[in-house]
Protein backbone atom coordinates (compact mmCIF):
# COMPACT_ATOMS: atom_id res chain seq x y z
CA UNK A 1 8.08 -22.99 2.39
CA UNK A 2 5.21 -21.68 1.46
CA UNK A 3 2.43 -19.58 3.85
CA UNK A 4 -0.82 -20.78 3.50
CA UNK A 5 -3.91 -20.76 5.48
CA UNK A 6 -7.40 -19.75 5.29
CA UNK A 7 -9.16 -15.98 5.48
CA UNK A 8 -11.80 -16.77 8.06
CA UNK A 9 -8.09 -17.19 10.36
CA UNK A 10 -6.15 -14.53 8.95
CA UNK A 11 -6.96 -11.73 6.94
CA UNK A 12 -6.57 -9.91 3.35
CA UNK A 13 -5.38 -7.03 6.19
CA UNK A 14 -3.06 -9.18 8.45
CA UNK A 15 -1.98 -10.93 5.10
CA UNK A 16 -1.06 -7.40 3.52
CA UNK A 17 0.85 -6.11 6.71
CA UNK A 18 2.57 -9.03 6.88
CA UNK A 19 3.64 -8.54 3.35
CA UNK A 20 4.74 -5.15 3.95
CA UNK A 21 6.31 -5.38 6.89
CA UNK A 22 8.59 -8.32 5.96
CA UNK A 23 9.28 -6.66 2.64
CA UNK A 24 8.02 -10.25 1.27
CA UNK A 25 8.39 -10.95 -2.56
CA UNK A 26 6.30 -13.42 -4.12
CA UNK A 27 2.81 -14.32 -5.40
CA UNK A 28 -0.48 -14.38 -2.71
CA UNK A 29 -2.49 -16.34 -4.13
CA UNK A 30 -6.78 -16.49 -2.64
CA UNK A 31 -8.74 -18.86 -3.71
CA UNK A 32 -12.97 -18.53 -3.04
CA UNK A 33 -15.71 -18.88 -4.26
CA UNK A 34 -15.79 -15.65 -6.75
CA UNK A 35 -12.76 -17.63 -8.05
CA UNK A 36 -8.82 -17.35 -7.98
CA UNK A 37 -7.14 -13.92 -7.87
CA UNK A 38 -2.98 -13.57 -7.62
CA UNK A 39 -0.74 -10.63 -5.62
CA UNK A 40 2.42 -10.02 -6.80
CA UNK A 41 4.73 -8.23 -4.50
CA UNK A 42 7.93 -6.97 -4.72
CA UNK A 43 9.61 -6.15 -1.78
CA UNK A 44 6.70 -5.51 0.32
CA UNK A 45 5.50 -3.57 -2.77
CA UNK A 46 2.30 -4.81 -4.79
CA UNK A 47 3.47 -4.82 -8.64
CA UNK A 48 0.90 -6.38 -10.27
CA UNK A 49 -2.48 -8.48 -9.63
CA UNK A 50 -4.89 -11.04 -11.94
CA UNK A 51 -8.23 -12.26 -11.53
CA UNK A 52 -9.22 -15.76 -12.98
CA UNK A 53 -13.31 -14.37 -13.23
CA UNK A 54 -11.60 -11.35 -15.38
CA UNK A 55 -9.14 -12.65 -17.98
CA UNK A 56 -9.12 -9.36 -19.71
CA UNK A 57 -5.59 -8.05 -21.00
CA UNK A 58 -4.72 -4.65 -21.67
CA UNK A 59 -5.76 -4.15 -24.89
CA UNK A 60 -9.84 -5.10 -23.49
CA UNK A 61 -9.94 -2.82 -20.54
CA UNK A 62 -8.70 -0.15 -22.81
CA UNK A 63 -11.28 -0.35 -25.10
CA UNK A 64 -13.59 -0.98 -22.57
CA UNK A 65 -12.44 2.51 -20.71
CA UNK A 66 -13.01 4.11 -23.77
CA UNK A 67 -8.81 4.63 -24.10
CA UNK A 68 -8.82 2.94 -27.25
CA UNK A 69 -11.35 2.76 -30.16
CA UNK A 70 -12.37 -0.33 -31.60
CA UNK A 71 -10.68 0.31 -34.60
CA UNK A 72 -7.29 1.33 -32.84
CA UNK A 73 -7.75 -1.97 -31.19
CA UNK A 74 -8.65 -4.37 -34.12
CA UNK A 75 -5.53 -2.73 -35.88
CA UNK A 76 -2.98 -3.13 -32.27
CA UNK A 77 -4.44 -6.85 -31.90
CA UNK A 78 -3.21 -8.46 -35.51
CA UNK A 79 0.23 -6.96 -35.20
CA UNK A 80 3.36 -8.88 -34.26
CA UNK A 81 3.89 -8.84 -30.59
CA UNK A 82 0.96 -7.48 -29.34
CA UNK A 83 -0.25 -11.10 -27.55
CA UNK A 84 1.43 -9.55 -24.60
CA UNK A 85 0.24 -6.44 -22.31
CA UNK A 86 4.09 -4.93 -22.73
CA UNK A 87 3.36 -5.62 -26.70
CA UNK A 88 0.33 -3.84 -27.01
CA UNK A 89 1.26 -1.02 -25.04
CA UNK A 90 4.26 -0.32 -26.60
CA UNK A 91 2.63 -0.55 -30.28
CA UNK A 92 -0.29 1.76 -28.86
CA UNK A 93 2.18 4.13 -27.66
CA UNK A 94 4.32 4.24 -30.76
CA UNK A 95 1.09 4.99 -33.08
CA UNK A 96 0.22 7.52 -30.72
CA UNK A 97 -2.95 5.77 -29.82
CA UNK A 98 -2.30 6.56 -26.29
CA UNK A 99 0.56 7.85 -23.76
CA UNK A 100 2.73 5.56 -21.32
CA UNK A 101 1.27 7.65 -18.63
CA UNK A 102 -1.95 6.88 -19.31
CA UNK A 103 -1.49 3.29 -19.95
CA UNK A 104 0.70 2.89 -16.20
CA UNK A 105 -2.77 4.76 -14.91
CA UNK A 106 -5.00 1.94 -16.86
CA UNK A 107 -2.41 -0.42 -14.89
CA UNK A 108 -2.29 0.85 -11.33
CA UNK A 109 -6.34 0.99 -11.65
CA UNK A 110 -6.55 -2.71 -12.46
CA UNK A 111 -4.40 -3.67 -9.71
CA UNK A 112 -6.38 -1.91 -7.59
CA UNK A 113 -9.72 -2.84 -8.27
CA UNK A 114 -8.70 -6.88 -8.12
CA UNK A 115 -7.26 -5.93 -4.49
CA UNK A 116 -10.18 -4.18 -3.61
CA UNK A 117 -12.44 -6.63 -4.24
CA UNK A 118 -10.75 -9.19 -2.40
CA UNK A 119 -10.97 -6.96 0.80
CA UNK A 120 -14.81 -8.10 0.86
CA UNK A 121 -14.17 -11.88 0.09
CA UNK A 122 -15.13 -13.17 3.66
CA UNK A 123 -14.09 -16.46 3.36
CA UNK A 124 -11.38 -18.86 1.11
CA UNK A 125 -7.95 -20.33 1.07
CA UNK A 126 -4.61 -18.17 1.00
CA UNK A 127 -1.14 -19.47 -0.37
CA UNK A 128 2.27 -17.37 -0.18
CA UNK A 129 5.19 -18.39 -2.53
CA UNK A 130 8.47 -16.37 -2.69
CA UNK A 131 9.50 -17.94 -5.57
CA UNK A 132 6.38 -16.92 -7.91
CA UNK A 133 6.97 -13.86 -10.27
CA UNK A 134 4.71 -12.10 -12.42
CA UNK A 135 4.04 -13.31 -16.43
CA UNK A 136 6.46 -12.71 -18.80
CA UNK A 137 5.14 -9.69 -21.01
CA UNK A 138 2.80 -8.10 -18.19
CA UNK A 139 3.45 -4.92 -17.09
CA UNK A 140 4.14 -3.74 -13.80
CA UNK A 141 4.46 -1.18 -11.47
CA UNK A 142 5.18 -0.46 -7.50
CA UNK A 143 2.39 0.68 -4.91
CA UNK A 144 2.96 1.06 -1.36
CA UNK A 145 0.89 -1.09 0.93
CA UNK A 146 0.26 1.49 3.44
CA UNK A 147 -2.82 3.78 1.29
CA UNK A 148 -3.86 0.38 -0.30
CA UNK A 149 -4.61 -1.35 3.57
CA UNK A 150 -6.23 1.92 4.67
CA UNK A 151 -8.32 2.28 1.59
CA UNK A 152 -9.58 -1.20 1.74
CA UNK A 153 -10.32 -1.07 5.48
CA UNK A 154 -12.34 1.67 4.63
CA UNK A 155 -13.92 -0.13 1.44
CA UNK A 156 -14.72 -3.08 4.40
CA UNK A 157 -17.15 -0.74 6.55
CA UNK A 158 -18.79 0.18 3.39
CA UNK A 159 -19.14 -3.25 2.17
CA UNK A 160 -21.07 -3.99 5.31
CA UNK A 161 -22.98 -1.14 5.33
CA UNK A 162 -24.56 -1.95 1.93
CA UNK A 163 -25.29 -5.46 3.10
CA UNK A 164 -27.40 -4.31 5.85
CA UNK A 165 -29.46 -1.71 3.26
CA UNK A 166 -29.91 -3.72 -0.08
CA UNK A 167 -29.49 -7.62 1.89
CA UNK A 168 -31.57 -8.97 -0.80
CA UNK A 169 -30.26 -9.30 -4.46
CA UNK A 170 -33.41 -11.11 -5.75
CA UNK A 171 -35.32 -8.46 -4.65
CA UNK A 172 -36.36 -5.46 -7.59
CA UNK A 173 -35.90 -1.69 -8.28
CA UNK A 174 -38.42 0.01 -10.05
CA UNK A 175 -38.36 4.39 -10.58
CA UNK A 176 -40.37 6.14 -8.36
CA UNK A 177 -43.47 7.87 -8.81
CA UNK A 178 -41.98 11.54 -7.49
CA UNK A 179 -38.37 12.02 -7.36
CA UNK A 180 -36.67 13.78 -4.47
CA UNK A 181 -36.35 17.71 -5.80
CA UNK A 182 -32.50 16.92 -5.58
CA UNK A 183 -32.77 14.60 -8.38
CA UNK A 184 -33.48 18.20 -10.53
CA UNK A 185 -29.16 18.47 -10.82
CA UNK A 186 -28.63 14.47 -11.17
CA UNK A 187 -25.12 13.46 -12.99
CA UNK A 188 -25.03 9.62 -13.34
CA UNK A 189 -21.82 7.60 -14.41
CA UNK A 190 -21.47 5.49 -16.89
CA UNK A 191 -21.95 2.27 -14.72
CA UNK A 192 -25.23 4.10 -13.49
CA UNK A 193 -26.67 4.29 -17.06
CA UNK A 194 -25.94 1.04 -17.72
CA UNK A 195 -27.84 -0.24 -14.67
CA UNK A 196 -30.63 2.11 -15.25
CA UNK A 197 -31.20 0.70 -18.92
CA UNK A 198 -31.59 -2.80 -17.16
CA UNK A 199 -34.22 -1.71 -14.67
CA UNK A 200 -37.33 -3.53 -15.96
CA UNK A 201 -40.52 -5.65 -13.91
CA UNK A 202 -38.06 -9.10 -15.56
CA UNK A 203 -34.83 -8.18 -14.10
CA UNK A 204 -33.94 -8.40 -10.25
CA UNK A 205 -30.95 -6.85 -9.39
CA UNK A 206 -29.04 -9.84 -9.67
CA UNK A 207 -29.76 -10.21 -13.21
CA UNK A 208 -28.61 -6.75 -13.73
CA UNK A 209 -25.23 -7.07 -12.08
CA UNK A 210 -24.74 -10.34 -14.19
CA UNK A 211 -26.02 -8.41 -17.30
CA UNK A 212 -23.41 -5.31 -16.87
CA UNK A 213 -20.85 -8.04 -15.85
CA UNK A 214 -20.82 -6.52 -12.07
CA UNK A 215 -20.04 -7.98 -8.52
CA UNK A 216 -21.96 -7.79 -5.54
CA UNK A 217 -19.96 -4.74 -4.18
CA UNK A 218 -20.70 -2.67 -7.32
CA UNK A 219 -24.01 -3.64 -8.06
CA UNK A 220 -24.89 -2.44 -4.15
CA UNK A 221 -23.02 0.16 -4.41
CA UNK A 222 -24.71 1.74 -7.89
CA UNK A 223 -28.33 0.47 -6.20
CA UNK A 224 -27.95 2.18 -2.75
CA UNK A 225 -26.57 5.30 -5.21
CA UNK A 226 -29.47 5.52 -6.61
CA UNK A 227 -31.78 4.89 -3.26
CA UNK A 228 -30.29 8.00 -2.47
CA UNK A 229 -30.52 10.06 -5.22
CA UNK A 230 -34.49 9.26 -4.94
CA UNK A 231 -34.77 7.96 -8.42
CA UNK A 232 -35.22 4.21 -7.70
CA UNK A 233 -37.19 2.02 -4.68
CA UNK A 234 -36.65 -1.67 -3.82
CA UNK A 235 -39.75 -3.67 -4.02
CA UNK A 236 -39.56 -7.56 -2.98
CA UNK A 237 -40.17 -10.42 -5.43
CA UNK A 238 -44.09 -10.42 -6.35
CA UNK A 239 -45.60 -14.23 -7.37
CA UNK A 240 -46.30 -14.94 -10.62
CA UNK A 241 -48.72 -13.12 -12.09
CA UNK A 242 -49.07 -15.88 -15.03
CA UNK A 243 -52.31 -18.17 -13.98
CA UNK A 244 -51.54 -21.91 -14.45
CA UNK A 245 -54.28 -23.71 -15.84
CA UNK A 246 -55.05 -27.38 -14.36
CA UNK A 247 -54.95 -28.94 -17.47
CA UNK A 248 -51.49 -27.07 -18.77
CA UNK A 249 -48.47 -29.83 -18.13
CA UNK A 250 -45.75 -30.56 -16.29
CA UNK A 251 -43.41 -29.26 -19.27
CA UNK A 252 -46.05 -26.26 -20.13
CA UNK A 253 -45.76 -25.20 -16.84
CA UNK A 254 -42.00 -25.21 -16.88
CA UNK A 255 -41.75 -23.40 -19.88
CA UNK A 256 -44.41 -20.48 -19.21
CA UNK A 257 -42.10 -20.25 -15.70
CA UNK A 258 -38.91 -20.06 -17.47
CA UNK A 259 -40.65 -17.35 -19.99
CA UNK A 260 -41.49 -15.15 -16.56
CA UNK A 261 -38.36 -15.57 -14.88
CA UNK A 262 -35.81 -15.19 -17.84
CA UNK A 263 -34.39 -11.55 -17.81
CA UNK A 264 -34.45 -9.48 -20.74
CA UNK A 265 -32.71 -6.56 -21.91
CA UNK A 266 -35.05 -3.54 -22.37
CA UNK A 267 -35.88 -2.62 -26.00
CA UNK A 268 -34.20 0.51 -27.14
CA UNK A 269 -37.12 2.42 -26.82
CA UNK A 270 -37.41 2.07 -23.23
CA UNK A 271 -34.20 3.08 -23.00
CA UNK A 272 -34.71 6.01 -24.56
CA UNK A 273 -37.76 7.14 -22.15
CA UNK A 274 -35.27 6.25 -18.93
CA UNK A 275 -32.59 8.79 -20.43
CA UNK A 276 -35.59 10.99 -21.00
CA UNK A 277 -37.14 11.06 -17.90
CA UNK A 278 -33.92 11.32 -15.84
CA UNK A 279 -32.88 14.28 -17.61
CA UNK A 280 -36.06 16.05 -17.57
CA UNK A 281 -36.06 15.91 -13.75
């Protein structure tokens, strides 16, 4: 008989503790407003995970993380057997594009990224099925739940703090006029550079997150880091600066408003100026 319920009554931490103590084998499915996730266990160990809003396979994640080049990815994708993670991973290792250790490290990182995201879900239904195994062709690992539970609990506290610091994702960010002195030795991550490249008067925090395929936890964490470093500041949404003529039709006004709020990627020159500005501090 399947175990089912709601996260408001039984938290993810309690569910993982139950799986760990009872050495459960099966699949825990969690469904919420952000999608549905599957966590697979074998005798109380986490072995695989998936999230329907992140349907990337191993090849796409290796490409995104820079472990594979575009040319290598295309060469692997056209080979027989590359339609599964195991098959693609074996081809990549045989061609010496990547080592088996690097693949396993990537798989572990993908699994943990999903389960840590689930710790921030405040509502949703869950169902544990002891008869469901990971999909054929998936690469599995074996990870103890004790450390995952501890890190997840820490992230819950961090998530609550980030919500307090940045409560409104419809707010805008802009570069400060006088960055702190500590900005002179700043080192930004790739994700922070991506966020910075989309900071402009038309993009609020929510739009920046959408352009970079980031969830609320990720974008809040990056914006908070930039705030703490003194590089940016948060400003409240401002009324439209476009004056509407009394004779302007409703359709025209709608088009004007649409143009006003549509998020547009910044031009390349703007990105380069932003990079030069930060590097020159």
